[in-house]
Amino acid sequence: ISVPAVTDETWQSLIIEADGPVLVEFWAPWCGPCRIIHPVIAELSTEYDGKLKCFKLNTDESPSTTTKYGIRSIPTIMIFKNGEKKDAIIGSDAERCRTLGRGI
């Protein structure tokens, strides 16, 4: 399964105004650890279908959102609920990402 993209332009409607919890992976094409975590995010998207929406944001293509949330290292995984950041993981820790999903 492919995780859909979110951009600076779609951030408000897809993340901030979303019903229910949303997971966002901040990544870039040149980031090796990001490629490691992609399948984990896809797995969470399938496992929590209907309970958790998952998106990925290319930090190179969406600098405004990246800056707004203080992203300095990628991958960074954030959980949002009711438009507010609730939790974050920096790095490609697959087990911590799975734990995030269980906490929704």
N, C-alpha and C. Protein backbone atom coordinates (compact mmCIF):
# COMPACT_ATOMS: atom_id res chain seq x y z
N ILE A 1 0.85 -1.19 0.00
CA ILE A 1 0.00 0.00 0.00
C ILE A 1 0.89 1.24 0.00
N SER A 2 0.46 2.22 -0.75
CA SER A 2 1.20 3.47 -0.83
C SER A 2 0.57 4.49 0.12
N VAL A 3 1.41 5.16 0.89
CA VAL A 3 0.94 6.19 1.81
C VAL A 3 0.82 7.50 1.03
N PRO A 4 -0.35 8.14 1.06
CA PRO A 4 -0.52 9.37 0.29
C PRO A 4 0.33 10.52 0.81
N ALA A 5 0.60 11.44 -0.09
CA ALA A 5 1.41 12.61 0.23
C ALA A 5 0.54 13.75 0.74
N VAL A 6 1.14 14.57 1.59
CA VAL A 6 0.56 15.83 2.01
C VAL A 6 1.61 16.89 1.71
N THR A 7 1.18 18.11 1.38
CA THR A 7 2.09 19.19 1.02
C THR A 7 1.75 20.44 1.82
N ASP A 8 2.56 21.47 1.66
CA ASP A 8 2.24 22.76 2.29
C ASP A 8 0.82 23.19 1.92
N GLU A 9 0.44 22.96 0.67
CA GLU A 9 -0.86 23.41 0.16
C GLU A 9 -2.02 22.60 0.73
N THR A 10 -1.82 21.30 1.00
CA THR A 10 -2.92 20.45 1.46
C THR A 10 -2.88 20.19 2.97
N TRP A 11 -1.87 20.71 3.67
CA TRP A 11 -1.69 20.46 5.09
C TRP A 11 -2.94 20.80 5.91
N GLN A 12 -3.48 21.99 5.71
CA GLN A 12 -4.62 22.45 6.49
C GLN A 12 -5.80 21.49 6.36
N SER A 13 -6.16 21.14 5.13
CA SER A 13 -7.35 20.31 4.92
C SER A 13 -7.14 18.85 5.31
N LEU A 14 -5.95 18.30 5.04
CA LEU A 14 -5.72 16.87 5.30
C LEU A 14 -5.30 16.57 6.74
N ILE A 15 -4.59 17.48 7.38
CA ILE A 15 -4.05 17.21 8.71
C ILE A 15 -4.79 18.00 9.80
N ILE A 16 -4.80 19.30 9.68
CA ILE A 16 -5.36 20.16 10.73
C ILE A 16 -6.87 19.97 10.85
N GLU A 17 -7.57 19.84 9.73
CA GLU A 17 -9.03 19.72 9.75
C GLU A 17 -9.51 18.27 9.70
N ALA A 18 -8.62 17.32 9.85
CA ALA A 18 -8.98 15.90 9.76
C ALA A 18 -9.86 15.46 10.91
N ASP A 19 -10.75 14.53 10.62
CA ASP A 19 -11.52 13.86 11.67
C ASP A 19 -10.68 12.70 12.17
N GLY A 20 -10.43 12.66 13.45
CA GLY A 20 -9.66 11.56 14.01
C GLY A 20 -8.17 11.80 13.94
N PRO A 21 -7.40 10.85 14.48
CA PRO A 21 -5.94 11.00 14.53
C PRO A 21 -5.28 10.83 13.16
N VAL A 22 -4.16 11.54 12.99
CA VAL A 22 -3.42 11.50 11.74
C VAL A 22 -1.94 11.30 12.06
N LEU A 23 -1.29 10.40 11.34
CA LEU A 23 0.16 10.20 11.44
C LEU A 23 0.80 10.81 10.20
N VAL A 24 1.86 11.59 10.41
CA VAL A 24 2.59 12.20 9.29
C VAL A 24 4.06 11.81 9.40
N GLU A 25 4.58 11.28 8.30
CA GLU A 25 6.02 10.99 8.21
C GLU A 25 6.67 12.13 7.43
N PHE A 26 7.58 12.85 8.06
CA PHE A 26 8.38 13.87 7.39
C PHE A 26 9.61 13.15 6.84
N TRP A 27 9.86 13.26 5.54
CA TRP A 27 10.91 12.48 4.88
C TRP A 27 11.47 13.26 3.70
N ALA A 28 12.49 12.70 3.06
CA ALA A 28 13.05 13.24 1.82
C ALA A 28 13.58 12.06 1.00
N PRO A 29 13.58 12.20 -0.32
CA PRO A 29 14.02 11.09 -1.19
C PRO A 29 15.46 10.65 -0.95
N TRP A 30 16.32 11.55 -0.51
CA TRP A 30 17.74 11.23 -0.32
C TRP A 30 18.03 10.61 1.04
N CYS A 31 17.01 10.46 1.88
CA CYS A 31 17.18 9.99 3.27
C CYS A 31 17.10 8.46 3.35
N GLY A 32 18.23 7.82 3.62
CA GLY A 32 18.27 6.36 3.74
C GLY A 32 17.36 5.81 4.83
N PRO A 33 17.44 6.33 6.06
CA PRO A 33 16.56 5.83 7.12
C PRO A 33 15.06 6.00 6.81
N CYS A 34 14.74 7.00 5.99
CA CYS A 34 13.34 7.19 5.61
C CYS A 34 12.84 5.99 4.81
N ARG A 35 13.69 5.46 3.94
CA ARG A 35 13.30 4.30 3.15
C ARG A 35 13.06 3.08 4.04
N ILE A 36 13.75 3.03 5.16
CA ILE A 36 13.57 1.92 6.10
C ILE A 36 12.20 2.02 6.78
N ILE A 37 11.76 3.23 7.09
CA ILE A 37 10.53 3.41 7.85
C ILE A 37 9.28 3.42 6.96
N HIS A 38 9.43 3.69 5.65
CA HIS A 38 8.26 3.72 4.74
C HIS A 38 7.37 2.48 4.88
N PRO A 39 7.93 1.26 4.84
CA PRO A 39 7.06 0.08 4.94
C PRO A 39 6.33 -0.02 6.28
N VAL A 40 6.95 0.49 7.33
CA VAL A 40 6.30 0.46 8.66
C VAL A 40 5.09 1.39 8.66
N ILE A 41 5.24 2.56 8.05
CA ILE A 41 4.12 3.51 7.98
C ILE A 41 3.00 2.92 7.13
N ALA A 42 3.35 2.27 6.03
CA ALA A 42 2.35 1.62 5.18
C ALA A 42 1.63 0.51 5.95
N GLU A 43 2.37 -0.23 6.75
CA GLU A 43 1.80 -1.30 7.58
C GLU A 43 0.81 -0.72 8.59
N LEU A 44 1.18 0.39 9.24
CA LEU A 44 0.28 1.05 10.19
C LEU A 44 -0.97 1.56 9.49
N SER A 45 -0.80 2.08 8.29
CA SER A 45 -1.93 2.59 7.52
C SER A 45 -2.95 1.48 7.26
N THR A 46 -2.46 0.29 6.96
CA THR A 46 -3.33 -0.86 6.73
C THR A 46 -3.93 -1.37 8.03
N GLU A 47 -3.10 -1.53 9.04
CA GLU A 47 -3.53 -2.09 10.32
C GLU A 47 -4.59 -1.22 11.01
N TYR A 48 -4.44 0.10 10.90
CA TYR A 48 -5.34 1.01 11.58
C TYR A 48 -6.29 1.72 10.62
N ASP A 49 -6.56 1.09 9.48
CA ASP A 49 -7.46 1.66 8.49
C ASP A 49 -8.81 1.99 9.13
N GLY A 50 -9.27 3.22 8.95
CA GLY A 50 -10.52 3.65 9.54
C GLY A 50 -10.34 4.28 10.91
N LYS A 51 -9.18 4.06 11.55
CA LYS A 51 -8.92 4.62 12.88
C LYS A 51 -7.83 5.67 12.85
N LEU A 52 -6.89 5.54 11.91
CA LEU A 52 -5.73 6.42 11.82
C LEU A 52 -5.43 6.69 10.35
N LYS A 53 -5.38 7.97 9.99
CA LYS A 53 -4.98 8.34 8.63
C LYS A 53 -3.48 8.55 8.62
N CYS A 54 -2.82 8.07 7.58
CA CYS A 54 -1.36 8.21 7.45
C CYS A 54 -1.02 8.98 6.19
N PHE A 55 -0.07 9.89 6.31
CA PHE A 55 0.42 10.69 5.19
C PHE A 55 1.93 10.81 5.30
N LYS A 56 2.56 11.18 4.19
CA LYS A 56 3.98 11.52 4.23
C LYS A 56 4.19 12.88 3.59
N LEU A 57 5.12 13.64 4.16
CA LEU A 57 5.42 14.98 3.67
C LEU A 57 6.88 15.05 3.29
N ASN A 58 7.13 15.37 2.02
CA ASN A 58 8.50 15.53 1.52
C ASN A 58 9.02 16.89 2.01
N THR A 59 10.01 16.85 2.89
CA THR A 59 10.50 18.09 3.50
C THR A 59 11.17 19.02 2.50
N ASP A 60 11.71 18.46 1.42
CA ASP A 60 12.33 19.30 0.39
C ASP A 60 11.28 20.08 -0.39
N GLU A 61 10.11 19.47 -0.58
CA GLU A 61 9.06 20.09 -1.39
C GLU A 61 8.09 20.92 -0.58
N SER A 62 8.10 20.78 0.74
CA SER A 62 7.16 21.50 1.61
C SER A 62 7.91 22.16 2.77
N PRO A 63 8.75 23.16 2.46
CA PRO A 63 9.58 23.78 3.49
C PRO A 63 8.81 24.56 4.55
N SER A 64 7.65 25.11 4.21
CA SER A 64 6.91 25.92 5.19
C SER A 64 6.43 25.07 6.36
N THR A 65 5.81 23.93 6.06
CA THR A 65 5.32 23.05 7.11
C THR A 65 6.49 22.46 7.89
N THR A 66 7.55 22.10 7.19
CA THR A 66 8.75 21.55 7.83
C THR A 66 9.30 22.54 8.86
N THR A 67 9.39 23.80 8.49
CA THR A 67 9.89 24.84 9.38
C THR A 67 8.93 25.10 10.53
N LYS A 68 7.65 25.16 10.23
CA LYS A 68 6.63 25.45 11.25
C LYS A 68 6.70 24.45 12.41
N TYR A 69 6.96 23.18 12.10
CA TYR A 69 7.00 22.15 13.13
C TYR A 69 8.41 21.84 13.62
N GLY A 70 9.37 22.65 13.21
CA GLY A 70 10.73 22.53 13.73
C GLY A 70 11.43 21.23 13.36
N ILE A 71 11.14 20.72 12.19
CA ILE A 71 11.75 19.47 11.75
C ILE A 71 13.21 19.73 11.40
N ARG A 72 14.11 19.08 12.14
CA ARG A 72 15.55 19.24 11.88
C ARG A 72 16.20 17.92 11.49
N SER A 73 15.56 16.81 11.85
CA SER A 73 16.07 15.49 11.51
C SER A 73 14.95 14.68 10.88
N ILE A 74 15.30 13.88 9.89
CA ILE A 74 14.30 13.02 9.28
C ILE A 74 14.84 11.59 9.24
N PRO A 75 13.96 10.62 9.31
CA PRO A 75 12.52 10.79 9.39
C PRO A 75 12.06 11.26 10.77
N THR A 76 11.02 12.06 10.75
CA THR A 76 10.30 12.42 11.97
C THR A 76 8.85 11.99 11.74
N ILE A 77 8.31 11.29 12.71
CA ILE A 77 6.92 10.84 12.64
C ILE A 77 6.14 11.61 13.70
N MET A 78 5.03 12.23 13.29
CA MET A 78 4.20 12.97 14.24
C MET A 78 2.77 12.47 14.19
N ILE A 79 2.14 12.48 15.36
CA ILE A 79 0.72 12.17 15.46
C ILE A 79 -0.02 13.48 15.77
N PHE A 80 -1.08 13.73 15.01
CA PHE A 80 -1.92 14.90 15.22
C PHE A 80 -3.33 14.44 15.56
N LYS A 81 -3.98 15.17 16.45
CA LYS A 81 -5.38 14.91 16.76
C LYS A 81 -6.05 16.25 17.00
N ASN A 82 -7.18 16.44 16.34
CA ASN A 82 -7.90 17.72 16.44
C ASN A 82 -7.00 18.89 16.06
N GLY A 83 -6.12 18.66 15.08
CA GLY A 83 -5.25 19.72 14.57
C GLY A 83 -4.03 20.02 15.41
N GLU A 84 -3.84 19.29 16.52
CA GLU A 84 -2.71 19.55 17.41
C GLU A 84 -1.74 18.38 17.41
N LYS A 85 -0.45 18.72 17.47
CA LYS A 85 0.57 17.67 17.58
C LYS A 85 0.46 17.01 18.94
N LYS A 86 0.37 15.68 18.94
CA LYS A 86 0.22 14.93 20.19
C LYS A 86 1.48 14.16 20.57
N ASP A 87 2.24 13.72 19.57
CA ASP A 87 3.42 12.90 19.85
C ASP A 87 4.34 12.96 18.65
N ALA A 88 5.61 12.62 18.87
CA ALA A 88 6.58 12.62 17.77
C ALA A 88 7.69 11.63 18.06
N ILE A 89 8.21 11.06 16.99
CA ILE A 89 9.38 10.18 17.05
C ILE A 89 10.36 10.69 16.00
N ILE A 90 11.61 10.82 16.39
CA ILE A 90 12.65 11.21 15.44
C ILE A 90 13.51 9.98 15.19
N GLY A 91 13.70 9.66 13.90
CA GLY A 91 14.50 8.49 13.54
C GLY A 91 13.65 7.35 13.03
N SER A 92 14.33 6.27 12.67
CA SER A 92 13.65 5.15 12.01
C SER A 92 13.41 3.98 12.97
N ASP A 93 12.91 4.29 14.16
CA ASP A 93 12.63 3.26 15.16
C ASP A 93 11.27 2.63 14.87
N ALA A 94 11.28 1.50 14.18
CA ALA A 94 10.05 0.85 13.74
C ALA A 94 9.15 0.48 14.91
N GLU A 95 9.73 -0.06 15.96
CA GLU A 95 8.91 -0.50 17.10
C GLU A 95 8.24 0.69 17.80
N ARG A 96 8.94 1.79 17.92
CA ARG A 96 8.31 2.99 18.52
C ARG A 96 7.18 3.51 17.65
N CYS A 97 7.33 3.40 16.33
CA CYS A 97 6.25 3.82 15.43
C CYS A 97 5.02 2.94 15.62
N ARG A 98 5.24 1.64 15.76
CA ARG A 98 4.11 0.73 16.02
C ARG A 98 3.44 1.07 17.34
N THR A 99 4.22 1.45 18.34
CA THR A 99 3.68 1.82 19.64
C THR A 99 2.82 3.09 19.53
N LEU A 100 3.26 4.02 18.70
CA LEU A 100 2.47 5.23 18.45
C LEU A 100 1.09 4.85 17.96
N GLY A 101 1.05 3.93 17.01
CA GLY A 101 -0.23 3.50 16.44
C GLY A 101 -1.14 2.90 17.49
N ARG A 102 -0.59 2.12 18.39
CA ARG A 102 -1.40 1.50 19.45
C ARG A 102 -1.96 2.52 20.42
N GLY A 103 -1.32 3.68 20.51
CA GLY A 103 -1.74 4.68 21.47
C GLY A 103 -2.88 5.58 21.01
N ILE A 104 -3.39 5.34 19.82
CA ILE A 104 -4.44 6.23 19.31
C ILE A 104 -5.79 5.91 19.91
